Amino acid sequence: MSAPEYSMARDYIDNNRINLHHYFWLELYGYLLHPSIPLQDPNLKITDVGIATCVILTDLAATFRHQCNWTVSTSHSKPSLRKNGSLRT
């Protein structure tokens, strides 16, 4: 059985759709992560699954300056990382 095809195009238009969707939800709810998540935990690990543009992780890195472990798929785009981020695939 072959892997199912992704129904949306994987191009700059789709990247814009993903990013705009993120900023829509951010504006609607007013936070990047749910307030019940303990952000001061030194063992905090954040995983972004399936967001090819890494928009959520780059916003988190800009907002929360402590070291976070990032797990992302870079199969579609190669994000530029901030100094407080690391990338392991």
PDB file of N, CA and C in Angstrom:
ATOM      1  N   MET A   1       0.847  -1.178   0.000  1.00  0.00           N
ATOM      2  CA  MET A   1       0.000   0.000   0.000  1.00  0.00           C
ATOM      3  C   MET A   1       0.891   1.240   0.000  1.00  0.00           C
ATOM      4  N   SER A   2       0.650   2.152  -0.896  1.00  0.00           N
ATOM      5  CA  SER A   2       1.458   3.368  -0.987  1.00  0.00           C
ATOM      6  C   SER A   2       0.974   4.409   0.025  1.00  0.00           C
ATOM      7  N   ALA A   3       1.889   5.328   0.359  1.00  0.00           N
ATOM      8  CA  ALA A   3       1.551   6.399   1.298  1.00  0.00           C
ATOM      9  C   ALA A   3       0.520   7.330   0.670  1.00  0.00           C
ATOM     10  N   PRO A   4      -0.425   7.816   1.461  1.00  0.00           N
ATOM     11  CA  PRO A   4      -1.429   8.735   0.909  1.00  0.00           C
ATOM     12  C   PRO A   4      -0.793  10.057   0.495  1.00  0.00           C
ATOM     13  N   GLU A   5      -1.339  10.659  -0.530  1.00  0.00           N
ATOM     14  CA  GLU A   5      -0.853  11.950  -1.013  1.00  0.00           C
ATOM     15  C   GLU A   5      -1.388  13.067  -0.119  1.00  0.00           C
ATOM     16  N   TYR A   6      -0.580  14.099   0.077  1.00  0.00           N
ATOM     17  CA  TYR A   6      -1.009  15.290   0.805  1.00  0.00           C
ATOM     18  C   TYR A   6      -1.953  16.066  -0.103  1.00  0.00           C
ATOM     19  N   SER A   7      -3.107  16.449   0.411  1.00  0.00           N
ATOM     20  CA  SER A   7      -4.144  17.034  -0.442  1.00  0.00           C
ATOM     21  C   SER A   7      -3.881  18.481  -0.860  1.00  0.00           C
ATOM     22  N   MET A   8      -3.026  19.198  -0.143  1.00  0.00           N
ATOM     23  CA  MET A   8      -2.738  20.595  -0.473  1.00  0.00           C
ATOM     24  C   MET A   8      -1.404  20.670  -1.221  1.00  0.00           C
ATOM     25  N   ALA A   9      -1.230  21.721  -1.993  1.00  0.00           N
ATOM     26  CA  ALA A   9       0.048  21.939  -2.676  1.00  0.00           C
ATOM     27  C   ALA A   9       1.107  22.277  -1.634  1.00  0.00           C
ATOM     28  N   ARG A  10       2.324  21.856  -1.864  1.00  0.00           N
ATOM     29  CA  ARG A  10       3.418  22.194  -0.946  1.00  0.00           C
ATOM     30  C   ARG A  10       4.269  23.272  -1.601  1.00  0.00           C
ATOM     31  N   ASP A  11       3.771  24.492  -1.528  1.00  0.00           N
ATOM     32  CA  ASP A  11       4.461  25.610  -2.162  1.00  0.00           C
ATOM     33  C   ASP A  11       4.321  26.846  -1.281  1.00  0.00           C
ATOM     34  N   TYR A  12       4.764  27.995  -1.780  1.00  0.00           N
ATOM     35  CA  TYR A  12       4.725  29.212  -0.974  1.00  0.00           C
ATOM     36  C   TYR A  12       3.297  29.621  -0.618  1.00  0.00           C
ATOM     37  N   ILE A  13       2.338  29.291  -1.448  1.00  0.00           N
ATOM     38  CA  ILE A  13       0.943  29.615  -1.133  1.00  0.00           C
ATOM     39  C   ILE A  13       0.482  28.801   0.076  1.00  0.00           C
ATOM     40  N   ASP A  14       0.826  27.525   0.106  1.00  0.00           N
ATOM     41  CA  ASP A  14       0.472  26.690   1.250  1.00  0.00           C
ATOM     42  C   ASP A  14       1.212  27.157   2.500  1.00  0.00           C
ATOM     43  N   ASN A  15       2.482  27.545   2.366  1.00  0.00           N
ATOM     44  CA  ASN A  15       3.226  28.071   3.511  1.00  0.00           C
ATOM     45  C   ASN A  15       2.554  29.319   4.062  1.00  0.00           C
ATOM     46  N   ASN A  16       2.097  30.198   3.183  1.00  0.00           N
ATOM     47  CA  ASN A  16       1.381  31.395   3.632  1.00  0.00           C
ATOM     48  C   ASN A  16       0.088  31.028   4.344  1.00  0.00           C
ATOM     49  N   ARG A  17      -0.619  30.042   3.825  1.00  0.00           N
ATOM     50  CA  ARG A  17      -1.860  29.585   4.465  1.00  0.00           C
ATOM     51  C   ARG A  17      -1.578  29.084   5.879  1.00  0.00           C
ATOM     52  N   ILE A  18      -0.537  28.281   6.035  1.00  0.00           N
ATOM     53  CA  ILE A  18      -0.181  27.746   7.350  1.00  0.00           C
ATOM     54  C   ILE A  18       0.178  28.881   8.305  1.00  0.00           C
ATOM     55  N   ASN A  19       1.015  29.805   7.850  1.00  0.00           N
ATOM     56  CA  ASN A  19       1.435  30.914   8.710  1.00  0.00           C
ATOM     57  C   ASN A  19       0.261  31.813   9.090  1.00  0.00           C
ATOM     58  N   LEU A  20      -0.593  32.142   8.124  1.00  0.00           N
ATOM     59  CA  LEU A  20      -1.757  32.972   8.428  1.00  0.00           C
ATOM     60  C   LEU A  20      -2.712  32.272   9.384  1.00  0.00           C
ATOM     61  N   HIS A  21      -2.860  30.978   9.234  1.00  0.00           N
ATOM     62  CA  HIS A  21      -3.703  30.203  10.144  1.00  0.00           C
ATOM     63  C   HIS A  21      -3.163  30.306  11.569  1.00  0.00           C
ATOM     64  N   HIS A  22      -1.841  30.183  11.712  1.00  0.00           N
ATOM     65  CA  HIS A  22      -1.208  30.305  13.031  1.00  0.00           C
ATOM     66  C   HIS A  22      -1.495  31.677  13.646  1.00  0.00           C
ATOM     67  N   TYR A  23      -1.270  32.740  12.875  1.00  0.00           N
ATOM     68  CA  TYR A  23      -1.467  34.087  13.409  1.00  0.00           C
ATOM     69  C   TYR A  23      -2.940  34.396  13.673  1.00  0.00           C
ATOM     70  N   PHE A  24      -3.837  33.780  12.923  1.00  0.00           N
ATOM     71  CA  PHE A  24      -5.270  33.906  13.198  1.00  0.00           C
ATOM     72  C   PHE A  24      -5.594  33.343  14.577  1.00  0.00           C
ATOM     73  N   TRP A  25      -5.125  32.116  14.853  1.00  0.00           N
ATOM     74  CA  TRP A  25      -5.392  31.497  16.151  1.00  0.00           C
ATOM     75  C   TRP A  25      -4.704  32.253  17.278  1.00  0.00           C
ATOM     76  N   LEU A  26      -3.501  32.747  17.026  1.00  0.00           N
ATOM     77  CA  LEU A  26      -2.791  33.535  18.034  1.00  0.00           C
ATOM     78  C   LEU A  26      -3.583  34.797  18.383  1.00  0.00           C
ATOM     79  N   GLU A  27      -4.092  35.481  17.388  1.00  0.00           N
ATOM     80  CA  GLU A  27      -4.899  36.687  17.609  1.00  0.00           C
ATOM     81  C   GLU A  27      -6.212  36.344  18.312  1.00  0.00           C
ATOM     82  N   LEU A  28      -6.821  35.237  17.935  1.00  0.00           N
ATOM     83  CA  LEU A  28      -8.098  34.841  18.515  1.00  0.00           C
ATOM     84  C   LEU A  28      -7.967  34.469  19.988  1.00  0.00           C
ATOM     85  N   TYR A  29      -6.964  33.632  20.317  1.00  0.00           N
ATOM     86  CA  TYR A  29      -6.826  33.134  21.684  1.00  0.00           C
ATOM     87  C   TYR A  29      -5.895  33.973  22.547  1.00  0.00           C
ATOM     88  N   GLY A  30      -4.931  34.649  21.949  1.00  0.00           N
ATOM     89  CA  GLY A  30      -4.065  35.536  22.708  1.00  0.00           C
ATOM     90  C   GLY A  30      -2.856  34.888  23.353  1.00  0.00           C
ATOM     91  N   TYR A  31      -2.556  33.641  23.040  1.00  0.00           N
ATOM     92  CA  TYR A  31      -1.366  32.998  23.589  1.00  0.00           C
ATOM     93  C   TYR A  31      -0.798  31.995  22.595  1.00  0.00           C
ATOM     94  N   LEU A  32       0.523  31.755  22.716  1.00  0.00           N
ATOM     95  CA  LEU A  32       1.188  30.773  21.853  1.00  0.00           C
ATOM     96  C   LEU A  32       0.977  29.354  22.356  1.00  0.00           C
ATOM     97  N   LEU A  33       1.120  29.175  23.661  1.00  0.00           N
ATOM     98  CA  LEU A  33       0.889  27.882  24.301  1.00  0.00           C
ATOM     99  C   LEU A  33      -0.200  28.049  25.347  1.00  0.00           C
ATOM    100  N   HIS A  34      -0.935  26.990  25.599  1.00  0.00           N
ATOM    101  CA  HIS A  34      -2.007  27.057  26.585  1.00  0.00           C
ATOM    102  C   HIS A  34      -1.443  27.504  27.934  1.00  0.00           C
ATOM    103  N   PRO A  35      -2.138  28.397  28.636  1.00  0.00           N
ATOM    104  CA  PRO A  35      -1.635  28.929  29.906  1.00  0.00           C
ATOM    105  C   PRO A  35      -1.382  27.877  30.983  1.00  0.00           C
ATOM    106  N   SER A  36      -1.960  26.701  30.875  1.00  0.00           N
ATOM    107  CA  SER A  36      -1.734  25.664  31.889  1.00  0.00           C
ATOM    108  C   SER A  36      -0.385  24.959  31.724  1.00  0.00           C
ATOM    109  N   ILE A  37       0.331  25.202  30.633  1.00  0.00           N
ATOM    110  CA  ILE A  37       1.636  24.574  30.411  1.00  0.00           C
ATOM    111  C   ILE A  37       2.680  25.312  31.243  1.00  0.00           C
ATOM    112  N   PRO A  38       3.448  24.593  32.090  1.00  0.00           N
ATOM    113  CA  PRO A  38       4.444  25.234  32.961  1.00  0.00           C
ATOM    114  C   PRO A  38       5.684  25.661  32.171  1.00  0.00           C
ATOM    115  N   LEU A  39       5.714  26.889  31.715  1.00  0.00           N
ATOM    116  CA  LEU A  39       6.786  27.360  30.838  1.00  0.00           C
ATOM    117  C   LEU A  39       8.118  27.543  31.550  1.00  0.00           C
ATOM    118  N   GLN A  40       8.114  27.626  32.874  1.00  0.00           N
ATOM    119  CA  GLN A  40       9.366  27.816  33.608  1.00  0.00           C
ATOM    120  C   GLN A  40      10.044  26.491  33.942  1.00  0.00           C
ATOM    121  N   ASP A  41       9.449  25.380  33.584  1.00  0.00           N
ATOM    122  CA  ASP A  41      10.041  24.065  33.821  1.00  0.00           C
ATOM    123  C   ASP A  41      11.349  23.955  33.046  1.00  0.00           C
ATOM    124  N   PRO A  42      12.496  23.708  33.730  1.00  0.00           N
ATOM    125  CA  PRO A  42      13.778  23.627  33.020  1.00  0.00           C
ATOM    126  C   PRO A  42      13.871  22.434  32.067  1.00  0.00           C
ATOM    127  N   ASN A  43      13.004  21.453  32.231  1.00  0.00           N
ATOM    128  CA  ASN A  43      13.003  20.278  31.356  1.00  0.00           C
ATOM    129  C   ASN A  43      11.949  20.374  30.261  1.00  0.00           C
ATOM    130  N   LEU A  44      11.444  21.577  30.031  1.00  0.00           N
ATOM    131  CA  LEU A  44      10.402  21.774  29.027  1.00  0.00           C
ATOM    132  C   LEU A  44      10.889  21.344  27.647  1.00  0.00           C
ATOM    133  N   LYS A  45      10.074  20.551  26.982  1.00  0.00           N
ATOM    134  CA  LYS A  45      10.351  20.139  25.607  1.00  0.00           C
ATOM    135  C   LYS A  45       9.101  20.427  24.789  1.00  0.00           C
ATOM    136  N   ILE A  46       9.287  21.054  23.654  1.00  0.00           N
ATOM    137  CA  ILE A  46       8.171  21.415  22.790  1.00  0.00           C
ATOM    138  C   ILE A  46       8.352  20.711  21.460  1.00  0.00           C
ATOM    139  N   THR A  47       7.327  20.031  21.012  1.00  0.00           N
ATOM    140  CA  THR A  47       7.378  19.333  19.739  1.00  0.00           C
ATOM    141  C   THR A  47       6.327  19.920  18.808  1.00  0.00           C
ATOM    142  N   ASP A  48       6.759  20.285  17.643  1.00  0.00           N
ATOM    143  CA  ASP A  48       5.868  20.813  16.613  1.00  0.00           C
ATOM    144  C   ASP A  48       5.761  19.726  15.552  1.00  0.00           C
ATOM    145  N   VAL A  49       4.610  19.112  15.449  1.00  0.00           N
ATOM    146  CA  VAL A  49       4.437  17.986  14.540  1.00  0.00           C
ATOM    147  C   VAL A  49       3.673  18.440  13.301  1.00  0.00           C
ATOM    148  N   GLY A  50       4.297  18.325  12.164  1.00  0.00           N
ATOM    149  CA  GLY A  50       3.608  18.522  10.904  1.00  0.00           C
ATOM    150  C   GLY A  50       3.456  19.947  10.407  1.00  0.00           C
ATOM    151  N   ILE A  51       4.025  20.930  11.072  1.00  0.00           N
ATOM    152  CA  ILE A  51       3.940  22.308  10.584  1.00  0.00           C
ATOM    153  C   ILE A  51       5.229  22.601   9.834  1.00  0.00           C
ATOM    154  N   ALA A  52       5.172  22.506   8.545  1.00  0.00           N
ATOM    155  CA  ALA A  52       6.377  22.565   7.707  1.00  0.00           C
ATOM    156  C   ALA A  52       7.106  23.895   7.772  1.00  0.00           C
ATOM    157  N   THR A  53       6.422  24.969   8.126  1.00  0.00           N
ATOM    158  CA  THR A  53       7.066  26.285   8.120  1.00  0.00           C
ATOM    159  C   THR A  53       7.769  26.605   9.430  1.00  0.00           C
ATOM    160  N   CYS A  54       7.546  25.832  10.464  1.00  0.00           N
ATOM    161  CA  CYS A  54       8.125  26.050  11.802  1.00  0.00           C
ATOM    162  C   CYS A  54       7.700  27.378  12.403  1.00  0.00           C
ATOM    163  N   VAL A  55       6.594  27.942  11.987  1.00  0.00           N
ATOM    164  CA  VAL A  55       6.149  29.251  12.454  1.00  0.00           C
ATOM    165  C   VAL A  55       5.890  29.257  13.957  1.00  0.00           C
ATOM    166  N   ILE A  56       5.329  28.202  14.489  1.00  0.00           N
ATOM    167  CA  ILE A  56       5.036  28.159  15.919  1.00  0.00           C
ATOM    168  C   ILE A  56       6.333  28.134  16.719  1.00  0.00           C
ATOM    169  N   LEU A  57       7.280  27.299  16.312  1.00  0.00           N
ATOM    170  CA  LEU A  57       8.538  27.202  17.043  1.00  0.00           C
ATOM    171  C   LEU A  57       9.352  28.479  16.978  1.00  0.00           C
ATOM    172  N   THR A  58       9.382  29.138  15.846  1.00  0.00           N
ATOM    173  CA  THR A  58      10.153  30.378  15.761  1.00  0.00           C
ATOM    174  C   THR A  58       9.499  31.476  16.599  1.00  0.00           C
ATOM    175  N   ASP A  59       8.179  31.516  16.673  1.00  0.00           N
ATOM    176  CA  ASP A  59       7.509  32.469  17.564  1.00  0.00           C
ATOM    177  C   ASP A  59       7.791  32.144  19.026  1.00  0.00           C
ATOM    178  N   LEU A  60       7.790  30.867  19.371  1.00  0.00           N
ATOM    179  CA  LEU A  60       8.099  30.474  20.744  1.00  0.00           C
ATOM    180  C   LEU A  60       9.530  30.851  21.112  1.00  0.00           C
ATOM    181  N   ALA A  61      10.466  30.645  20.209  1.00  0.00           N
ATOM    182  CA  ALA A  61      11.864  30.983  20.481  1.00  0.00           C
ATOM    183  C   ALA A  61      12.039  32.477  20.702  1.00  0.00           C
ATOM    184  N   ALA A  62      11.281  33.283  19.989  1.00  0.00           N
ATOM    185  CA  ALA A  62      11.367  34.733  20.157  1.00  0.00           C
ATOM    186  C   ALA A  62      10.729  35.185  21.471  1.00  0.00           C
ATOM    187  N   THR A  63       9.716  34.468  21.922  1.00  0.00           N
ATOM    188  CA  THR A  63       8.976  34.862  23.118  1.00  0.00           C
ATOM    189  C   THR A  63       9.583  34.299  24.393  1.00  0.00           C
ATOM    190  N   PHE A  64       9.978  33.035  24.366  1.00  0.00           N
ATOM    191  CA  PHE A  64      10.521  32.366  25.543  1.00  0.00           C
ATOM    192  C   PHE A  64      12.008  32.142  25.313  1.00  0.00           C
ATOM    193  N   ARG A  65      12.830  32.900  26.025  1.00  0.00           N
ATOM    194  CA  ARG A  65      14.267  32.919  25.757  1.00  0.00           C
ATOM    195  C   ARG A  65      15.024  31.727  26.346  1.00  0.00           C
ATOM    196  N   HIS A  66      14.403  30.889  27.165  1.00  0.00           N
ATOM    197  CA  HIS A  66      15.128  29.750  27.723  1.00  0.00           C
ATOM    198  C   HIS A  66      15.309  28.668  26.654  1.00  0.00           C
ATOM    199  N   GLN A  67      16.238  27.780  26.903  1.00  0.00           N
ATOM    200  CA  GLN A  67      16.553  26.722  25.942  1.00  0.00           C
ATOM    201  C   GLN A  67      15.379  25.760  25.803  1.00  0.00           C
ATOM    202  N   CYS A  68      14.971  25.505  24.592  1.00  0.00           N
ATOM    203  CA  CYS A  68      13.931  24.522  24.296  1.00  0.00           C
ATOM    204  C   CYS A  68      14.497  23.505  23.319  1.00  0.00           C
ATOM    205  N   ASN A  69      14.058  22.280  23.444  1.00  0.00           N
ATOM    206  CA  ASN A  69      14.415  21.246  22.479  1.00  0.00           C
ATOM    207  C   ASN A  69      13.330  21.212  21.427  1.00  0.00           C
ATOM    208  N   TRP A  70      13.728  21.352  20.199  1.00  0.00           N
ATOM    209  CA  TRP A  70      12.774  21.383  19.097  1.00  0.00           C
ATOM    210  C   TRP A  70      12.878  20.101  18.294  1.00  0.00           C
ATOM    211  N   THR A  71      11.751  19.536  17.947  1.00  0.00           N
ATOM    212  CA  THR A  71      11.703  18.393  17.056  1.00  0.00           C
ATOM    213  C   THR A  71      10.783  18.777  15.908  1.00  0.00           C
ATOM    214  N   VAL A  72      11.357  18.898  14.723  1.00  0.00           N
ATOM    215  CA  VAL A  72      10.570  19.329  13.572  1.00  0.00           C
ATOM    216  C   VAL A  72      10.953  18.515  12.349  1.00  0.00           C
ATOM    217  N   SER A  73      10.086  18.531  11.382  1.00  0.00           N
ATOM    218  CA  SER A  73      10.400  17.962  10.079  1.00  0.00           C
ATOM    219  C   SER A  73      10.841  19.091   9.168  1.00  0.00           C
ATOM    220  N   THR A  74      12.011  18.948   8.598  1.00  0.00           N
ATOM    221  CA  THR A  74      12.506  19.967   7.672  1.00  0.00           C
ATOM    222  C   THR A  74      12.451  19.460   6.238  1.00  0.00           C
ATOM    223  N   SER A  75      11.571  18.518   5.990  1.00  0.00           N
ATOM    224  CA  SER A  75      11.498  17.938   4.652  1.00  0.00           C
ATOM    225  C   SER A  75      10.999  18.940   3.615  1.00  0.00           C
ATOM    226  N   HIS A  76      10.288  19.978   4.065  1.00  0.00           N
ATOM    227  CA  HIS A  76       9.728  20.941   3.114  1.00  0.00           C
ATOM    228  C   HIS A  76      10.483  22.262   3.095  1.00  0.00           C
ATOM    229  N   SER A  77      10.936  22.700   4.238  1.00  0.00           N
ATOM    230  CA  SER A  77      11.647  23.976   4.295  1.00  0.00           C
ATOM    231  C   SER A  77      12.742  23.898   5.342  1.00  0.00           C
ATOM    232  N   LYS A  78      13.748  24.698   5.182  1.00  0.00           N
ATOM    233  CA  LYS A  78      14.860  24.757   6.125  1.00  0.00           C
ATOM    234  C   LYS A  78      14.752  26.060   6.907  1.00  0.00           C
ATOM    235  N   PRO A  79      14.284  25.993   8.162  1.00  0.00           N
ATOM    236  CA  PRO A  79      14.109  27.222   8.926  1.00  0.00           C
ATOM    237  C   PRO A  79      15.442  27.790   9.397  1.00  0.00           C
ATOM    238  N   SER A  80      15.494  29.093   9.568  1.00  0.00           N
ATOM    239  CA  SER A  80      16.650  29.699  10.212  1.00  0.00           C
ATOM    240  C   SER A  80      16.337  29.735  11.699  1.00  0.00           C
ATOM    241  N   LEU A  81      17.250  29.225  12.497  1.00  0.00           N
ATOM    242  CA  LEU A  81      16.998  29.068  13.922  1.00  0.00           C
ATOM    243  C   LEU A  81      17.604  30.206  14.719  1.00  0.00           C
ATOM    244  N   ARG A  82      16.954  30.531  15.814  1.00  0.00           N
ATOM    245  CA  ARG A  82      17.499  31.507  16.748  1.00  0.00           C
ATOM    246  C   ARG A  82      18.564  30.826  17.603  1.00  0.00           C
ATOM    247  N   LYS A  83      19.384  31.617  18.290  1.00  0.00           N
ATOM    248  CA  LYS A  83      20.477  31.071  19.094  1.00  0.00           C
ATOM    249  C   LYS A  83      19.985  30.177  20.222  1.00  0.00           C
ATOM    250  N   ASN A  84      18.781  30.408  20.729  1.00  0.00           N
ATOM    251  CA  ASN A  84      18.284  29.609  21.843  1.00  0.00           C
ATOM    252  C   ASN A  84      17.542  28.357  21.380  1.00  0.00           C
ATOM    253  N   GLY A  85      17.646  27.998  20.118  1.00  0.00           N
ATOM    254  CA  GLY A  85      16.981  26.807  19.595  1.00  0.00           C
ATOM    255  C   GLY A  85      17.985  25.815  19.054  1.00  0.00           C
ATOM    256  N   SER A  86      17.594  24.576  19.033  1.00  0.00           N
ATOM    257  CA  SER A  86      18.414  23.536  18.420  1.00  0.00           C
ATOM    258  C   SER A  86      17.509  22.683  17.549  1.00  0.00           C
ATOM    259  N   LEU A  87      18.081  22.081  16.540  1.00  0.00           N
ATOM    260  CA  LEU A  87      17.295  21.299  15.594  1.00  0.00           C
ATOM    261  C   LEU A  87      17.865  19.899  15.517  1.00  0.00           C
ATOM    262  N   ARG A  88      17.021  18.925  15.830  1.00  0.00           N
ATOM    263  CA  ARG A  88      17.404  17.522  15.711  1.00  0.00           C
ATOM    264  C   ARG A  88      16.354  16.821  14.876  1.00  0.00           C
ATOM    265  N   THR A  89      16.774  16.106  13.847  1.00  0.00           N
ATOM    266  CA  THR A  89      15.812  15.380  13.027  1.00  0.00           C
ATOM    267  C   THR A  89      16.076  13.898  13.101  1.00  0.00           C
TER     268      THR A  89
END
